[in-house]
């Protein structure tokens, strides 16, 4: 690269959150300690406050029935109710997530 040149990337808030989401998908095995082929992912973004929430649940039960996030779990509400699970996604050898039961999350959303 020429010493007098500056390469710049400028992206919108939407593109930035898309980038974050795609990186969480790509690294969920590391961040959430899951097998990517066994989970469904859910996420939401609070554009006003700059918060992001990313969740994984089992894709199917023991009988092969598809599972989904219960409708009682509102990710926007959860972003306001639960504390940050980590102060940095770059901390080595850290557990980035906190595990909750679906019932616990539904109760928090009431």
Protein backbone atom coordinates (compact mmCIF):
# COMPACT_ATOMS: atom_id res chain seq x y z
CA UNK A 1 0.00 0.00 0.00
CA UNK A 2 1.24 3.47 -0.83
CA UNK A 3 2.54 5.38 2.22
CA UNK A 4 0.39 8.40 1.33
CA UNK A 5 -2.86 6.43 1.09
CA UNK A 6 -5.47 5.64 3.74
CA UNK A 7 -7.93 2.81 3.22
CA UNK A 8 -11.28 3.46 4.83
CA UNK A 9 -14.32 1.37 5.63
CA UNK A 10 -17.43 3.21 6.72
CA UNK A 11 -20.58 1.24 7.32
CA UNK A 12 -24.06 1.98 8.62
CA UNK A 13 -25.35 0.88 12.01
CA UNK A 14 -27.38 -1.84 10.27
CA UNK A 15 -24.31 -3.17 8.47
CA UNK A 16 -22.31 -3.05 11.70
CA UNK A 17 -24.90 -5.13 13.57
CA UNK A 18 -25.11 -7.51 10.60
CA UNK A 19 -21.34 -7.95 10.83
CA UNK A 20 -21.56 -8.61 14.56
CA UNK A 21 -24.40 -11.11 14.09
CA UNK A 22 -22.57 -12.99 11.33
CA UNK A 23 -19.45 -13.19 13.49
CA UNK A 24 -21.48 -14.61 16.37
CA UNK A 25 -22.93 -17.23 14.01
CA UNK A 26 -19.46 -18.12 12.76
CA UNK A 27 -18.00 -18.35 16.28
CA UNK A 28 -20.92 -19.66 18.32
CA UNK A 29 -19.08 -22.92 19.00
CA UNK A 30 -16.42 -20.87 20.79
CA UNK A 31 -18.68 -18.25 22.36
CA UNK A 32 -21.57 -20.49 23.46
CA UNK A 33 -19.88 -23.90 23.61
CA UNK A 34 -22.38 -25.45 21.18
CA UNK A 35 -22.28 -27.56 18.03
CA UNK A 36 -23.47 -25.25 15.23
CA UNK A 37 -25.44 -28.07 13.62
CA UNK A 38 -27.49 -28.72 16.76
CA UNK A 39 -28.82 -25.25 17.55
CA UNK A 40 -31.07 -22.51 16.28
CA UNK A 41 -29.98 -18.93 16.83
CA UNK A 42 -32.01 -15.95 17.93
CA UNK A 43 -30.84 -12.38 18.25
CA UNK A 44 -32.05 -8.86 18.63
CA UNK A 45 -30.58 -5.39 18.61
CA UNK A 46 -31.43 -2.29 20.61
CA UNK A 47 -30.35 0.37 18.13
CA UNK A 48 -31.07 3.19 20.54
CA UNK A 49 -28.78 1.90 23.29
CA UNK A 50 -26.39 -0.13 21.14
CA UNK A 51 -27.12 -3.46 22.85
CA UNK A 52 -27.02 -6.85 21.16
CA UNK A 53 -28.35 -10.18 22.42
CA UNK A 54 -27.58 -13.57 20.88
CA UNK A 55 -29.11 -16.85 22.03
CA UNK A 56 -28.89 -20.48 20.98
CA UNK A 57 -31.36 -23.25 21.73
CA UNK A 58 -31.37 -26.90 20.75
CA UNK A 59 -32.62 -27.32 17.19
CA UNK A 60 -34.65 -30.45 17.92
CA UNK A 61 -35.63 -32.71 20.77
CA UNK A 62 -34.77 -36.40 21.26
CA UNK A 63 -37.69 -37.43 19.01
CA UNK A 64 -36.62 -35.17 16.13
CA UNK A 65 -39.28 -32.52 16.75
CA UNK A 66 -38.16 -29.00 15.88
CA UNK A 67 -37.82 -26.62 18.80
CA UNK A 68 -38.23 -22.86 18.80
CA UNK A 69 -37.83 -20.00 21.20
CA UNK A 70 -41.00 -19.79 23.31
CA UNK A 71 -43.17 -16.81 22.40
CA UNK A 72 -43.12 -15.66 26.04
CA UNK A 73 -39.41 -14.86 25.69
CA UNK A 74 -39.05 -11.32 24.36
CA UNK A 75 -35.42 -10.60 23.51
CA UNK A 76 -35.94 -6.82 23.66
CA UNK A 77 -37.18 -7.15 27.24
CA UNK A 78 -34.33 -9.51 28.11
CA UNK A 79 -31.78 -6.96 26.95
CA UNK A 80 -33.16 -4.63 29.60
CA UNK A 81 -33.51 -7.26 32.32
CA UNK A 82 -30.31 -9.29 32.29
CA UNK A 83 -26.82 -7.94 32.92
CA UNK A 84 -24.02 -8.18 30.38
CA UNK A 85 -22.63 -11.71 30.36
CA UNK A 86 -19.07 -10.62 29.63
CA UNK A 87 -17.14 -7.38 29.58
CA UNK A 88 -15.16 -8.39 26.48
CA UNK A 89 -15.49 -10.91 23.68
CA UNK A 90 -11.71 -10.88 23.36
CA UNK A 91 -10.84 -12.24 26.79
CA UNK A 92 -8.95 -15.52 26.36
CA UNK A 93 -10.29 -18.74 27.88
CA UNK A 94 -13.46 -17.13 29.18
CA UNK A 95 -17.01 -18.26 29.47
CA UNK A 96 -18.83 -15.53 27.55
CA UNK A 97 -22.35 -16.74 28.20
CA UNK A 98 -24.71 -17.34 31.09
CA UNK A 99 -27.13 -20.21 30.82
CA UNK A 100 -30.80 -19.76 31.76
CA UNK A 101 -33.76 -22.10 31.55
CA UNK A 102 -36.55 -21.13 29.17
CA UNK A 103 -38.82 -20.79 32.21
CA UNK A 104 -36.39 -18.37 33.88
CA UNK A 105 -36.24 -16.20 30.76
CA UNK A 106 -40.01 -16.24 30.33
CA UNK A 107 -40.40 -15.15 33.96
CA UNK A 108 -37.96 -12.26 33.42
CA UNK A 109 -40.04 -11.11 30.45
CA UNK A 110 -43.26 -10.75 32.47
